[in-house]
Amino acid sequence: RAVPGALRKLDPREMWHNPVMFIVEIGAALTTLLAIAEP
């Protein structure tokens, strides 16, 4: 039941209130871009 709420919190405007997890989200986004570019 909490999954939809957790996904809504991925909004960077929400995430920056938690600096540690904001860094993780930036890392996840950067790694995703690298995965797309690797081929």
PDB file of all heavy atoms in Angstrom:
ATOM      1  N   ARG A   1       0.821  -1.217   0.000  1.00  0.00           N
ATOM      2  CA  ARG A   1       0.000   0.000   0.000  1.00  0.00           C
ATOM      3  C   ARG A   1       0.854   1.266   0.000  1.00  0.00           C
ATOM      4  O   ARG A   1       0.403   2.333  -0.426  1.00  0.00           O
ATOM      5  CB  ARG A   1      -0.926  -0.006   1.221  1.00  0.00           C
ATOM      6  CG  ARG A   1      -2.036  -1.040   1.152  1.00  0.00           C
ATOM      7  CD  ARG A   1      -3.068  -0.811   2.251  1.00  0.00           C
ATOM      8  NE  ARG A   1      -2.493  -1.026   3.574  1.00  0.00           N
ATOM      9  CZ  ARG A   1      -2.455  -2.199   4.195  1.00  0.00           C
ATOM     10  NH1 ARG A   1      -2.945  -3.285   3.594  1.00  0.00           N
ATOM     11  NH2 ARG A   1      -1.933  -2.325   5.397  1.00  0.00           N
ATOM     12  N   ALA A   2       2.085   1.160   0.500  1.00  0.00           N
ATOM     13  CA  ALA A   2       2.944   2.336   0.591  1.00  0.00           C
ATOM     14  C   ALA A   2       3.745   2.590  -0.680  1.00  0.00           C
ATOM     15  O   ALA A   2       4.338   3.667  -0.823  1.00  0.00           O
ATOM     16  CB  ALA A   2       3.898   2.191   1.774  1.00  0.00           C
ATOM     17  N   VAL A   3       3.777   1.617  -1.624  1.00  0.00           N
ATOM     18  CA  VAL A   3       4.604   1.760  -2.827  1.00  0.00           C
ATOM     19  C   VAL A   3       4.243   3.004  -3.639  1.00  0.00           C
ATOM     20  O   VAL A   3       5.141   3.761  -4.043  1.00  0.00           O
ATOM     21  CB  VAL A   3       4.530   0.486  -3.694  1.00  0.00           C
ATOM     22  CG1 VAL A   3       5.122   0.736  -5.078  1.00  0.00           C
ATOM     23  CG2 VAL A   3       5.273  -0.656  -3.020  1.00  0.00           C
ATOM     24  N   PRO A   4       2.946   3.282  -3.925  1.00  0.00           N
ATOM     25  CA  PRO A   4       2.640   4.504  -4.696  1.00  0.00           C
ATOM     26  C   PRO A   4       3.178   5.766  -4.035  1.00  0.00           C
ATOM     27  O   PRO A   4       3.722   6.646  -4.705  1.00  0.00           O
ATOM     28  CB  PRO A   4       1.107   4.501  -4.764  1.00  0.00           C
ATOM     29  CG  PRO A   4       0.727   3.054  -4.615  1.00  0.00           C
ATOM     30  CD  PRO A   4       1.717   2.492  -3.660  1.00  0.00           C
ATOM     31  N   GLY A   5       3.048   5.845  -2.714  1.00  0.00           N
ATOM     32  CA  GLY A   5       3.574   7.007  -2.010  1.00  0.00           C
ATOM     33  C   GLY A   5       5.081   7.098  -2.101  1.00  0.00           C
ATOM     34  O   GLY A   5       5.649   8.189  -2.231  1.00  0.00           O
ATOM     35  N   ALA A   6       5.757   5.939  -2.041  1.00  0.00           N
ATOM     36  CA  ALA A   6       7.215   5.924  -2.149  1.00  0.00           C
ATOM     37  C   ALA A   6       7.664   6.397  -3.531  1.00  0.00           C
ATOM     38  O   ALA A   6       8.664   7.115  -3.662  1.00  0.00           O
ATOM     39  CB  ALA A   6       7.738   4.520  -1.865  1.00  0.00           C
ATOM     40  N   LEU A   7       6.933   6.011  -4.563  1.00  0.00           N
ATOM     41  CA  LEU A   7       7.285   6.427  -5.927  1.00  0.00           C
ATOM     42  C   LEU A   7       7.060   7.929  -6.120  1.00  0.00           C
ATOM     43  O   LEU A   7       7.839   8.590  -6.810  1.00  0.00           O
ATOM     44  CB  LEU A   7       6.466   5.625  -6.947  1.00  0.00           C
ATOM     45  CG  LEU A   7       6.766   4.115  -7.000  1.00  0.00           C
ATOM     46  CD1 LEU A   7       5.820   3.417  -7.970  1.00  0.00           C
ATOM     47  CD2 LEU A   7       8.217   3.866  -7.392  1.00  0.00           C
ATOM     48  N   ARG A   8       6.003   8.451  -5.501  1.00  0.00           N
ATOM     49  CA  ARG A   8       5.752   9.892  -5.618  1.00  0.00           C
ATOM     50  C   ARG A   8       6.863  10.705  -4.967  1.00  0.00           C
ATOM     51  O   ARG A   8       7.152  11.827  -5.376  1.00  0.00           O
ATOM     52  CB  ARG A   8       4.401  10.244  -4.978  1.00  0.00           C
ATOM     53  CG  ARG A   8       3.191   9.855  -5.820  1.00  0.00           C
ATOM     54  CD  ARG A   8       1.930  10.506  -5.296  1.00  0.00           C
ATOM     55  NE  ARG A   8       1.592  10.022  -3.965  1.00  0.00           N
ATOM     56  CZ  ARG A   8       0.817   8.968  -3.729  1.00  0.00           C
ATOM     57  NH1 ARG A   8       0.295   8.284  -4.747  1.00  0.00           N
ATOM     58  NH2 ARG A   8       0.550   8.591  -2.497  1.00  0.00           N
ATOM     59  N   LYS A   9       7.489  10.147  -3.958  1.00  0.00           N
ATOM     60  CA  LYS A   9       8.551  10.847  -3.258  1.00  0.00           C
ATOM     61  C   LYS A   9       9.861  10.889  -4.042  1.00  0.00           C
ATOM     62  O   LYS A   9      10.827  11.499  -3.598  1.00  0.00           O
ATOM     63  CB  LYS A   9       8.795  10.197  -1.887  1.00  0.00           C
ATOM     64  CG  LYS A   9       7.676  10.421  -0.882  1.00  0.00           C
ATOM     65  CD  LYS A   9       7.960   9.700   0.426  1.00  0.00           C
ATOM     66  CE  LYS A   9       6.859   9.958   1.432  1.00  0.00           C
ATOM     67  NZ  LYS A   9       6.847  11.364   1.901  1.00  0.00           N
ATOM     68  N   LEU A  10       9.911  10.233  -5.212  1.00  0.00           N
ATOM     69  CA  LEU A  10      11.118  10.297  -6.036  1.00  0.00           C
ATOM     70  C   LEU A  10      11.318  11.672  -6.653  1.00  0.00           C
ATOM     71  O   LEU A  10      12.382  11.963  -7.198  1.00  0.00           O
ATOM     72  CB  LEU A  10      11.050   9.239  -7.152  1.00  0.00           C
ATOM     73  CG  LEU A  10      11.155   7.779  -6.698  1.00  0.00           C
ATOM     74  CD1 LEU A  10      10.954   6.850  -7.879  1.00  0.00           C
ATOM     75  CD2 LEU A  10      12.494   7.512  -6.041  1.00  0.00           C
ATOM     76  N   ASP A  11      10.302  12.507  -6.571  1.00  0.00           N
ATOM     77  CA  ASP A  11      10.408  13.880  -7.066  1.00  0.00           C
ATOM     78  C   ASP A  11      11.596  14.568  -6.390  1.00  0.00           C
ATOM     79  O   ASP A  11      11.661  14.641  -5.154  1.00  0.00           O
ATOM     80  CB  ASP A  11       9.115  14.628  -6.726  1.00  0.00           C
ATOM     81  CG  ASP A  11       9.070  16.028  -7.339  1.00  0.00           C
ATOM     82  OD1 ASP A  11      10.148  16.582  -7.643  1.00  0.00           O
ATOM     83  OD2 ASP A  11       7.955  16.563  -7.508  1.00  0.00           O
ATOM     84  N   PRO A  12      12.567  15.065  -7.159  1.00  0.00           N
ATOM     85  CA  PRO A  12      13.745  15.722  -6.556  1.00  0.00           C
ATOM     86  C   PRO A  12      13.387  16.837  -5.587  1.00  0.00           C
ATOM     87  O   PRO A  12      14.128  17.106  -4.639  1.00  0.00           O
ATOM     88  CB  PRO A  12      14.508  16.263  -7.769  1.00  0.00           C
ATOM     89  CG  PRO A  12      14.091  15.374  -8.901  1.00  0.00           C
ATOM     90  CD  PRO A  12      12.655  15.018  -8.636  1.00  0.00           C
ATOM     91  N   ARG A  13      12.248  17.485  -5.803  1.00  0.00           N
ATOM     92  CA  ARG A  13      11.826  18.546  -4.891  1.00  0.00           C
ATOM     93  C   ARG A  13      11.504  17.996  -3.507  1.00  0.00           C
ATOM     94  O   ARG A  13      11.570  18.714  -2.508  1.00  0.00           O
ATOM     95  CB  ARG A  13      10.608  19.276  -5.469  1.00  0.00           C
ATOM     96  CG  ARG A  13      10.926  20.105  -6.710  1.00  0.00           C
ATOM     97  CD  ARG A  13       9.680  20.623  -7.374  1.00  0.00           C
ATOM     98  NE  ARG A  13       8.829  19.537  -7.857  1.00  0.00           N
ATOM     99  CZ  ARG A  13       7.683  19.713  -8.505  1.00  0.00           C
ATOM    100  NH1 ARG A  13       7.257  20.959  -8.750  1.00  0.00           N
ATOM    101  NH2 ARG A  13       6.973  18.682  -8.916  1.00  0.00           N
ATOM    102  N   GLU A  14      11.136  16.708  -3.458  1.00  0.00           N
ATOM    103  CA  GLU A  14      10.920  16.030  -2.187  1.00  0.00           C
ATOM    104  C   GLU A  14      12.230  15.468  -1.646  1.00  0.00           C
ATOM    105  O   GLU A  14      12.518  15.542  -0.459  1.00  0.00           O
ATOM    106  CB  GLU A  14       9.906  14.888  -2.364  1.00  0.00           C
ATOM    107  CG  GLU A  14       8.496  15.324  -2.673  1.00  0.00           C
ATOM    108  CD  GLU A  14       7.702  15.587  -1.413  1.00  0.00           C
ATOM    109  OE1 GLU A  14       8.141  15.162  -0.332  1.00  0.00           O
ATOM    110  OE2 GLU A  14       6.655  16.249  -1.523  1.00  0.00           O
ATOM    111  N   MET A  15      13.034  14.891  -2.544  1.00  0.00           N
ATOM    112  CA  MET A  15      14.226  14.166  -2.127  1.00  0.00           C
ATOM    113  C   MET A  15      15.299  15.063  -1.533  1.00  0.00           C
ATOM    114  O   MET A  15      16.066  14.618  -0.677  1.00  0.00           O
ATOM    115  CB  MET A  15      14.811  13.392  -3.314  1.00  0.00           C
ATOM    116  CG  MET A  15      13.955  12.234  -3.807  1.00  0.00           C
ATOM    117  SD  MET A  15      13.716  10.942  -2.542  1.00  0.00           S
ATOM    118  CE  MET A  15      15.409  10.472  -2.221  1.00  0.00           C
ATOM    119  N   TRP A  16      15.387  16.304  -1.965  1.00  0.00           N
ATOM    120  CA  TRP A  16      16.500  17.137  -1.497  1.00  0.00           C
ATOM    121  C   TRP A  16      16.417  17.430  -0.002  1.00  0.00           C
ATOM    122  O   TRP A  16      17.398  17.829   0.622  1.00  0.00           O
ATOM    123  CB  TRP A  16      16.586  18.434  -2.305  1.00  0.00           C
ATOM    124  CG  TRP A  16      15.599  19.496  -1.921  1.00  0.00           C
ATOM    125  CD1 TRP A  16      14.356  19.670  -2.421  1.00  0.00           C
ATOM    126  CD2 TRP A  16      15.792  20.531  -0.951  1.00  0.00           C
ATOM    127  NE1 TRP A  16      13.741  20.741  -1.830  1.00  0.00           N
ATOM    128  CE2 TRP A  16      14.611  21.285  -0.916  1.00  0.00           C
ATOM    129  CE3 TRP A  16      16.851  20.880  -0.109  1.00  0.00           C
ATOM    130  CZ2 TRP A  16      14.453  22.367  -0.069  1.00  0.00           C
ATOM    131  CZ3 TRP A  16      16.687  21.960   0.746  1.00  0.00           C
ATOM    132  CH2 TRP A  16      15.497  22.695   0.746  1.00  0.00           C
ATOM    133  N   HIS A  17      15.229  17.200   0.607  1.00  0.00           N
ATOM    134  CA  HIS A  17      15.095  17.364   2.055  1.00  0.00           C
ATOM    135  C   HIS A  17      15.881  16.294   2.813  1.00  0.00           C
ATOM    136  O   HIS A  17      16.153  16.451   4.001  1.00  0.00           O
ATOM    137  CB  HIS A  17      13.624  17.308   2.467  1.00  0.00           C
ATOM    138  CG  HIS A  17      12.812  18.465   1.950  1.00  0.00           C
ATOM    139  ND1 HIS A  17      12.945  19.745   2.425  1.00  0.00           N
ATOM    140  CD2 HIS A  17      11.865  18.528   0.981  1.00  0.00           C
ATOM    141  CE1 HIS A  17      12.122  20.556   1.789  1.00  0.00           C
ATOM    142  NE2 HIS A  17      11.452  19.848   0.906  1.00  0.00           N
ATOM    143  N   ASN A  18      16.211  15.197   2.115  1.00  0.00           N
ATOM    144  CA  ASN A  18      17.023  14.133   2.710  1.00  0.00           C
ATOM    145  C   ASN A  18      18.338  14.071   1.936  1.00  0.00           C
ATOM    146  O   ASN A  18      18.442  13.385   0.918  1.00  0.00           O
ATOM    147  CB  ASN A  18      16.278  12.796   2.615  1.00  0.00           C
ATOM    148  CG  ASN A  18      16.975  11.678   3.366  1.00  0.00           C
ATOM    149  OD1 ASN A  18      18.184  11.729   3.612  1.00  0.00           O
ATOM    150  ND2 ASN A  18      16.228  10.647   3.731  1.00  0.00           N
ATOM    151  N   PRO A  19      19.368  14.803   2.371  1.00  0.00           N
ATOM    152  CA  PRO A  19      20.601  14.947   1.579  1.00  0.00           C
ATOM    153  C   PRO A  19      21.247  13.620   1.202  1.00  0.00           C
ATOM    154  O   PRO A  19      21.742  13.472   0.080  1.00  0.00           O
ATOM    155  CB  PRO A  19      21.515  15.769   2.495  1.00  0.00           C
ATOM    156  CG  PRO A  19      20.595  16.487   3.421  1.00  0.00           C
ATOM    157  CD  PRO A  19      19.439  15.565   3.619  1.00  0.00           C
ATOM    158  N   VAL A  20      21.251  12.657   2.141  1.00  0.00           N
ATOM    159  CA  VAL A  20      21.914  11.374   1.872  1.00  0.00           C
ATOM    160  C   VAL A  20      21.242  10.653   0.709  1.00  0.00           C
ATOM    161  O   VAL A  20      21.897  10.236  -0.263  1.00  0.00           O
ATOM    162  CB  VAL A  20      21.915  10.488   3.132  1.00  0.00           C
ATOM    163  CG1 VAL A  20      22.518   9.114   2.818  1.00  0.00           C
ATOM    164  CG2 VAL A  20      22.701  11.156   4.259  1.00  0.00           C
ATOM    165  N   MET A  21      19.923  10.537   0.782  1.00  0.00           N
ATOM    166  CA  MET A  21      19.212   9.803  -0.268  1.00  0.00           C
ATOM    167  C   MET A  21      19.139  10.618  -1.563  1.00  0.00           C
ATOM    168  O   MET A  21      18.995  10.046  -2.648  1.00  0.00           O
ATOM    169  CB  MET A  21      17.807   9.417   0.207  1.00  0.00           C
ATOM    170  CG  MET A  21      17.789   8.517   1.439  1.00  0.00           C
ATOM    171  SD  MET A  21      18.999   7.145   1.371  1.00  0.00           S
ATOM    172  CE  MET A  21      18.478   6.275  -0.093  1.00  0.00           C
ATOM    173  N   PHE A  22      19.242  11.934  -1.453  1.00  0.00           N
ATOM    174  CA  PHE A  22      19.294  12.770  -2.660  1.00  0.00           C
ATOM    175  C   PHE A  22      20.560  12.456  -3.457  1.00  0.00           C
ATOM    176  O   PHE A  22      20.543  12.379  -4.690  1.00  0.00           O
ATOM    177  CB  PHE A  22      19.242  14.246  -2.270  1.00  0.00           C
ATOM    178  CG  PHE A  22      19.112  15.186  -3.440  1.00  0.00           C
ATOM    179  CD1 PHE A  22      18.160  14.974  -4.434  1.00  0.00           C
ATOM    180  CD2 PHE A  22      19.940  16.284  -3.554  1.00  0.00           C
ATOM    181  CE1 PHE A  22      18.033  15.839  -5.508  1.00  0.00           C
ATOM    182  CE2 PHE A  22      19.823  17.163  -4.621  1.00  0.00           C
ATOM    183  CZ  PHE A  22      18.870  16.934  -5.606  1.00  0.00           C
ATOM    184  N   ILE A  23      21.673  12.245  -2.741  1.00  0.00           N
ATOM    185  CA  ILE A  23      22.923  11.861  -3.407  1.00  0.00           C
ATOM    186  C   ILE A  23      22.761  10.505  -4.091  1.00  0.00           C
ATOM    187  O   ILE A  23      23.220  10.300  -5.226  1.00  0.00           O
ATOM    188  CB  ILE A  23      24.077  11.815  -2.387  1.00  0.00           C
ATOM    189  CG1 ILE A  23      24.418  13.236  -1.925  1.00  0.00           C
ATOM    190  CG2 ILE A  23      25.314  11.141  -2.981  1.00  0.00           C
ATOM    191  CD1 ILE A  23      25.457  13.294  -0.823  1.00  0.00           C
ATOM    192  N   VAL A  24      22.074   9.575  -3.409  1.00  0.00           N
ATOM    193  CA  VAL A  24      21.846   8.258  -4.003  1.00  0.00           C
ATOM    194  C   VAL A  24      20.995   8.386  -5.264  1.00  0.00           C
ATOM    195  O   VAL A  24      21.255   7.728  -6.279  1.00  0.00           O
ATOM    196  CB  VAL A  24      21.176   7.306  -2.987  1.00  0.00           C
ATOM    197  CG1 VAL A  24      20.906   5.944  -3.630  1.00  0.00           C
ATOM    198  CG2 VAL A  24      22.058   7.126  -1.753  1.00  0.00           C
ATOM    199  N   GLU A  25      19.973   9.241  -5.223  1.00  0.00           N
ATOM    200  CA  GLU A  25      19.118   9.424  -6.393  1.00  0.00           C
ATOM    201  C   GLU A  25      19.908  10.017  -7.561  1.00  0.00           C
ATOM    202  O   GLU A  25      19.746   9.600  -8.714  1.00  0.00           O
ATOM    203  CB  GLU A  25      17.931  10.319  -6.054  1.00  0.00           C
ATOM    204  CG  GLU A  25      16.952  10.433  -7.217  1.00  0.00           C
ATOM    205  CD  GLU A  25      15.727  11.250  -6.874  1.00  0.00           C
ATOM    206  OE1 GLU A  25      15.880  12.289  -6.204  1.00  0.00           O
ATOM    207  OE2 GLU A  25      14.619  10.858  -7.280  1.00  0.00           O
ATOM    208  N   ILE A  26      20.772  10.984  -7.274  1.00  0.00           N
ATOM    209  CA  ILE A  26      21.610  11.552  -8.336  1.00  0.00           C
ATOM    210  C   ILE A  26      22.510  10.464  -8.925  1.00  0.00           C
ATOM    211  O   ILE A  26      22.675  10.356 -10.153  1.00  0.00           O
ATOM    212  CB  ILE A  26      22.462  12.716  -7.780  1.00  0.00           C
ATOM    213  CG1 ILE A  26      21.560  13.901  -7.402  1.00  0.00           C
ATOM    214  CG2 ILE A  26      23.509  13.152  -8.805  1.00  0.00           C
ATOM    215  CD1 ILE A  26      22.293  15.020  -6.702  1.00  0.00           C
ATOM    216  N   GLY A  27      23.076   9.630  -8.040  1.00  0.00           N
ATOM    217  CA  GLY A  27      23.911   8.517  -8.510  1.00  0.00           C
ATOM    218  C   GLY A  27      23.132   7.540  -9.358  1.00  0.00           C
ATOM    219  O   GLY A  27      23.635   7.042 -10.384  1.00  0.00           O
ATOM    220  N   ALA A  28      21.884   7.266  -8.957  1.00  0.00           N
ATOM    221  CA  ALA A  28      21.046   6.344  -9.726  1.00  0.00           C
ATOM    222  C   ALA A  28      20.743   6.918 -11.108  1.00  0.00           C
ATOM    223  O   ALA A  28      20.788   6.196 -12.123  1.00  0.00           O
ATOM    224  CB  ALA A  28      19.751   6.064  -8.970  1.00  0.00           C
ATOM    225  N   ALA A  29      20.442   8.207 -11.160  1.00  0.00           N
ATOM    226  CA  ALA A  29      20.143   8.846 -12.448  1.00  0.00           C
ATOM    227  C   ALA A  29      21.371   8.840 -13.356  1.00  0.00           C
ATOM    228  O   ALA A  29      21.274   8.546 -14.564  1.00  0.00           O
ATOM    229  CB  ALA A  29      19.651  10.271 -12.210  1.00  0.00           C
ATOM    230  N   LEU A  30      22.544   9.161 -12.786  1.00  0.00           N
ATOM    231  CA  LEU A  30      23.773   9.188 -13.578  1.00  0.00           C
ATOM    232  C   LEU A  30      24.130   7.793 -14.093  1.00  0.00           C
ATOM    233  O   LEU A  30      24.510   7.627 -15.266  1.00  0.00           O
ATOM    234  CB  LEU A  30      24.911   9.746 -12.731  1.00  0.00           C
ATOM    235  CG  LEU A  30      26.282   9.864 -13.410  1.00  0.00           C
ATOM    236  CD1 LEU A  30      26.181  10.714 -14.679  1.00  0.00           C
ATOM    237  CD2 LEU A  30      27.312  10.447 -12.452  1.00  0.00           C
ATOM    238  N   THR A  31      23.969   6.792 -13.233  1.00  0.00           N
ATOM    239  CA  THR A  31      24.266   5.410 -13.650  1.00  0.00           C
ATOM    240  C   THR A  31      23.314   4.958 -14.741  1.00  0.00           C
ATOM    241  O   THR A  31      23.707   4.244 -15.679  1.00  0.00           O
ATOM    242  CB  THR A  31      24.176   4.460 -12.441  1.00  0.00           C
ATOM    243  OG1 THR A  31      24.979   4.966 -11.376  1.00  0.00           O
ATOM    244  CG2 THR A  31      24.679   3.066 -12.809  1.00  0.00           C
ATOM    245  N   THR A  32      22.062   5.369 -14.650  1.00  0.00           N
ATOM    246  CA  THR A  32      21.081   5.020 -15.685  1.00  0.00           C
ATOM    247  C   THR A  32      21.485   5.625 -17.028  1.00  0.00           C
ATOM    248  O   THR A  32      21.408   4.967 -18.082  1.00  0.00           O
ATOM    249  CB  THR A  32      19.680   5.512 -15.282  1.00  0.00           C
ATOM    250  OG1 THR A  32      19.325   4.935 -14.018  1.00  0.00           O
ATOM    251  CG2 THR A  32      18.648   5.108 -16.322  1.00  0.00           C
ATOM    252  N   LEU A  33      21.918   6.886 -17.013  1.00  0.00           N
ATOM    253  CA  LEU A  33      22.363   7.533 -18.256  1.00  0.00           C
ATOM    254  C   LEU A  33      23.581   6.813 -18.840  1.00  0.00           C
ATOM    255  O   LEU A  33      23.686   6.620 -20.061  1.00  0.00           O
ATOM    256  CB  LEU A  33      22.700   8.998 -17.994  1.00  0.00           C
ATOM    257  CG  LEU A  33      21.514   9.912 -17.632  1.00  0.00           C
ATOM    258  CD1 LEU A  33      22.009  11.316 -17.287  1.00  0.00           C
ATOM    259  CD2 LEU A  33      20.521   9.976 -18.795  1.00  0.00           C
ATOM    260  N   LEU A  34      24.502   6.386 -17.963  1.00  0.00           N
ATOM    261  CA  LEU A  34      25.682   5.662 -18.430  1.00  0.00           C
ATOM    262  C   LEU A  34      25.299   4.314 -19.035  1.00  0.00           C
ATOM    263  O   LEU A  34      25.863   3.888 -20.050  1.00  0.00           O
ATOM    264  CB  LEU A  34      26.662   5.444 -17.269  1.00  0.00           C
ATOM    265  CG  LEU A  34      27.389   6.698 -16.766  1.00  0.00           C
ATOM    266  CD1 LEU A  34      28.190   6.379 -15.508  1.00  0.00           C
ATOM    267  CD2 LEU A  34      28.303   7.253 -17.849  1.00  0.00           C
ATOM    268  N   ALA A  35      24.316   3.654 -18.421  1.00  0.00           N
ATOM    269  CA  ALA A  35      23.858   2.359 -18.941  1.00  0.00           C
ATOM    270  C   ALA A  35      23.246   2.524 -20.327  1.00  0.00           C
ATOM    271  O   ALA A  35      23.427   1.673 -21.211  1.00  0.00           O
ATOM    272  CB  ALA A  35      22.853   1.735 -17.979  1.00  0.00           C
ATOM    273  N   ILE A  36      22.531   3.617 -20.525  1.00  0.00           N
ATOM    274  CA  ILE A  36      21.928   3.875 -21.836  1.00  0.00           C
ATOM    275  C   ILE A  36      23.011   4.188 -22.874  1.00  0.00           C
ATOM    276  O   ILE A  36      22.926   3.781 -24.044  1.00  0.00           O
ATOM    277  CB  ILE A  36      20.928   5.046 -21.733  1.00  0.00           C
ATOM    278  CG1 ILE A  36      19.745   4.656 -20.834  1.00  0.00           C
ATOM    279  CG2 ILE A  36      20.427   5.461 -23.109  1.00  0.00           C
ATOM    280  CD1 ILE A  36      18.807   5.804 -20.514  1.00  0.00           C
ATOM    281  N   ALA A  37      24.062   4.891 -22.424  1.00  0.00           N
ATOM    282  CA  ALA A  37      25.102   5.334 -23.361  1.00  0.00           C
ATOM    283  C   ALA A  37      26.146   4.263 -23.656  1.00  0.00           C
ATOM    284  O   ALA A  37      26.871   4.373 -24.656  1.00  0.00           O
ATOM    285  CB  ALA A  37      25.788   6.572 -22.801  1.00  0.00           C
ATOM    286  N   GLU A  38      26.247   3.250 -22.806  1.00  0.00           N
ATOM    287  CA  GLU A  38      27.315   2.259 -22.953  1.00  0.00           C
ATOM    288  C   GLU A  38      27.359   1.563 -24.315  1.00  0.00           C
ATOM    289  O   GLU A  38      28.449   1.321 -24.851  1.00  0.00           O
ATOM    290  CB  GLU A  38      27.245   1.232 -21.826  1.00  0.00           C
ATOM    291  CG  GLU A  38      28.034   1.672 -20.608  1.00  0.00           C
ATOM    292  CD  GLU A  38      27.894   0.706 -19.457  1.00  0.00           C
ATOM    293  OE1 GLU A  38      27.206  -0.327 -19.626  1.00  0.00           O
ATOM    294  OE2 GLU A  38      28.469   0.975 -18.397  1.00  0.00           O
ATOM    295  N   PRO A  39      26.246   1.203 -24.919  1.00  0.00           N
ATOM    296  CA  PRO A  39      26.315   0.547 -26.239  1.00  0.00           C
ATOM    297  C   PRO A  39      27.033   1.404 -27.288  1.00  0.00           C
ATOM    298  O   PRO A  39      27.579   0.879 -28.254  1.00  0.00           O
ATOM    299  CB  PRO A  39      24.846   0.334 -26.604  1.00  0.00           C
ATOM    300  CG  PRO A  39      24.149   0.261 -25.287  1.00  0.00           C
ATOM    301  CD  PRO A  39      24.866   1.240 -24.417  1.00  0.00           C
TER     302      PRO A  39
END
